[in-house]
Amino acid sequence: SLIDELHDQLDKAPGCVVSCVGGGGLVLGLLQGLDRVGWQHVPVLAMETEGAHCLSAAREAGTIIQLPAITSVATSLGALSVCSRLFERCQDQPNRVISRTVIDKQATSACVQFADHLRVLVEPS
């Protein structure tokens, strides 16, 4: 997994791992990988765009909810609800997953900046 590769290549644990959310499978896999290599202290910064923010919405509501629709430009990873296992991990370890939501303009601006500075195209998800 990605975390196993990081563990093999880094001299020490990262300060955090940043990921998009979607339905939560990737973030859950990152958490499992961090646990497996002994990096339980490393938080995951889970980024979402408004309109595709199923994890943030569930955490705010205190229960898994279903978004009425994906209204963000970041549609490729959009899920109407977050997976229950990730939501439960967030409830059990609220400081382990840091949820942040940005507006579409911020996400698309970051894509442009990434292309300008690194010459690599990424999508807003």
Protein backbone atom coordinates (compact mmCIF):
# COMPACT_ATOMS: atom_id res chain seq x y z
CA SER A 1 0.00 0.00 0.00
CA LEU A 2 0.93 3.65 -0.17
CA ILE A 3 1.68 3.77 3.55
CA ASP A 4 3.95 0.72 3.35
CA GLU A 5 5.93 2.47 0.60
CA LEU A 6 6.17 5.65 2.68
CA HIS A 7 7.32 3.62 5.68
CA ASP A 8 10.08 2.02 3.59
CA GLN A 9 11.23 5.33 2.12
CA LEU A 10 11.00 7.79 5.02
CA ASP A 11 13.38 8.07 7.95
CA LYS A 12 10.54 9.01 10.28
CA ALA A 13 6.75 9.24 10.31
CA PRO A 14 5.17 12.13 8.40
CA GLY A 15 3.46 14.91 10.32
CA CYS A 16 0.17 14.06 8.62
CA VAL A 17 -1.23 12.45 5.49
CA VAL A 18 -3.54 14.49 3.23
CA SER A 19 -6.23 12.79 1.17
CA CYS A 20 -9.47 13.43 -0.66
CA VAL A 21 -12.48 11.59 0.76
CA GLY A 22 -15.06 10.42 -1.78
CA GLY A 23 -16.92 7.64 0.01
CA GLY A 24 -14.12 7.12 2.50
CA GLY A 25 -12.42 3.94 1.29
CA LEU A 26 -9.08 5.59 0.56
CA VAL A 27 -8.97 7.40 3.90
CA LEU A 28 -9.91 4.19 5.72
CA GLY A 29 -7.14 2.33 3.89
CA LEU A 30 -4.65 5.05 4.83
CA LEU A 31 -5.66 4.76 8.49
CA GLN A 32 -5.29 0.98 8.39
CA GLY A 33 -1.86 1.32 6.78
CA LEU A 34 -0.74 3.88 9.36
CA ASP A 35 -1.84 1.50 12.12
CA ARG A 36 -0.07 -1.45 10.47
CA VAL A 37 3.32 0.32 10.34
CA GLY A 38 3.07 1.71 13.88
CA TRP A 39 2.21 5.28 12.94
CA GLN A 40 -1.05 5.48 14.92
CA HIS A 41 -0.10 9.01 16.03
CA VAL A 42 -0.15 10.35 12.44
CA PRO A 43 -3.42 12.15 11.62
CA VAL A 44 -5.12 12.13 8.23
CA LEU A 45 -6.32 15.43 6.81
CA ALA A 46 -9.49 14.52 4.88
CA MET A 47 -10.30 17.15 2.27
CA GLU A 48 -13.70 17.60 0.62
CA THR A 49 -15.40 20.23 -1.49
CA GLU A 50 -18.75 21.71 -0.50
CA GLY A 51 -21.40 19.80 -2.37
CA ALA A 52 -19.43 16.53 -2.09
CA HIS A 53 -18.82 16.67 1.64
CA CYS A 54 -20.43 13.47 2.92
CA LEU A 55 -17.86 12.87 5.69
CA SER A 56 -17.96 16.42 7.03
CA ALA A 57 -21.75 16.44 6.89
CA ALA A 58 -21.96 13.14 8.75
CA ARG A 59 -19.53 14.29 11.42
CA GLU A 60 -21.49 17.50 11.91
CA ALA A 61 -24.80 15.60 12.12
CA GLY A 62 -23.36 12.93 14.41
CA THR A 63 -24.73 10.21 12.13
CA ILE A 64 -24.28 9.03 8.56
CA ILE A 65 -26.42 11.14 6.28
CA GLN A 66 -27.09 11.08 2.57
CA LEU A 67 -26.39 14.20 0.57
CA PRO A 68 -29.32 15.04 -1.74
CA ALA A 69 -26.94 15.34 -4.72
CA ILE A 70 -23.32 15.96 -5.65
CA THR A 71 -23.28 19.66 -6.49
CA SER A 72 -19.53 20.26 -6.51
CA VAL A 73 -17.30 20.38 -9.60
CA ALA A 74 -15.39 17.53 -7.92
CA THR A 75 -17.75 14.83 -9.14
CA SER A 76 -15.30 12.03 -9.96
CA LEU A 77 -15.02 10.93 -6.32
CA GLY A 78 -18.37 12.19 -5.13
CA ALA A 79 -20.40 9.88 -2.90
CA LEU A 80 -23.74 10.66 -1.39
CA SER A 81 -22.79 9.07 1.93
CA VAL A 82 -19.59 8.05 3.69
CA CYS A 83 -18.82 4.41 4.48
CA SER A 84 -19.85 3.37 7.96
CA ARG A 85 -16.41 2.04 8.96
CA LEU A 86 -14.73 5.41 8.36
CA PHE A 87 -17.52 7.27 10.15
CA GLU A 88 -17.13 4.94 13.15
CA ARG A 89 -13.34 5.51 13.19
CA CYS A 90 -13.96 9.26 13.18
CA GLN A 91 -16.38 8.92 16.08
CA ASP A 92 -13.98 6.70 18.05
CA GLN A 93 -10.87 8.78 17.30
CA PRO A 94 -12.09 12.30 16.47
CA ASN A 95 -8.58 13.81 16.37
CA ARG A 96 -7.18 11.10 14.09
CA VAL A 97 -9.11 12.30 11.02
CA ILE A 98 -9.18 16.05 10.52
CA SER A 99 -12.04 16.99 8.17
CA ARG A 100 -11.79 20.15 6.10
CA THR A 101 -14.11 21.43 3.41
CA VAL A 102 -13.27 23.96 0.72
CA ILE A 103 -15.42 25.65 -1.90
CA ASP A 104 -15.09 24.74 -5.57
CA LYS A 105 -13.21 27.95 -6.36
CA GLN A 106 -10.52 27.06 -3.81
CA ALA A 107 -10.19 23.54 -5.21
CA THR A 108 -9.93 24.66 -8.82
CA SER A 109 -7.51 27.44 -7.89
CA ALA A 110 -5.29 24.85 -6.19
CA CYS A 111 -5.35 22.77 -9.38
CA VAL A 112 -4.14 25.74 -11.41
CA GLN A 113 -1.42 26.51 -8.88
CA PHE A 114 -0.31 22.89 -8.92
CA ALA A 115 -0.04 23.00 -12.72
CA ASP A 116 1.81 26.34 -12.68
CA HIS A 117 4.33 25.33 -10.04
CA LEU A 118 4.82 21.62 -10.68
CA ARG A 119 3.72 21.26 -14.32
CA VAL A 120 1.35 18.46 -13.35
CA LEU A 121 -2.40 18.41 -13.96
CA VAL A 122 -4.64 17.28 -11.14
CA GLU A 123 -8.40 17.33 -10.70
CA PRO A 124 -10.32 19.20 -8.01
CA SER A 125 -11.39 16.04 -6.18
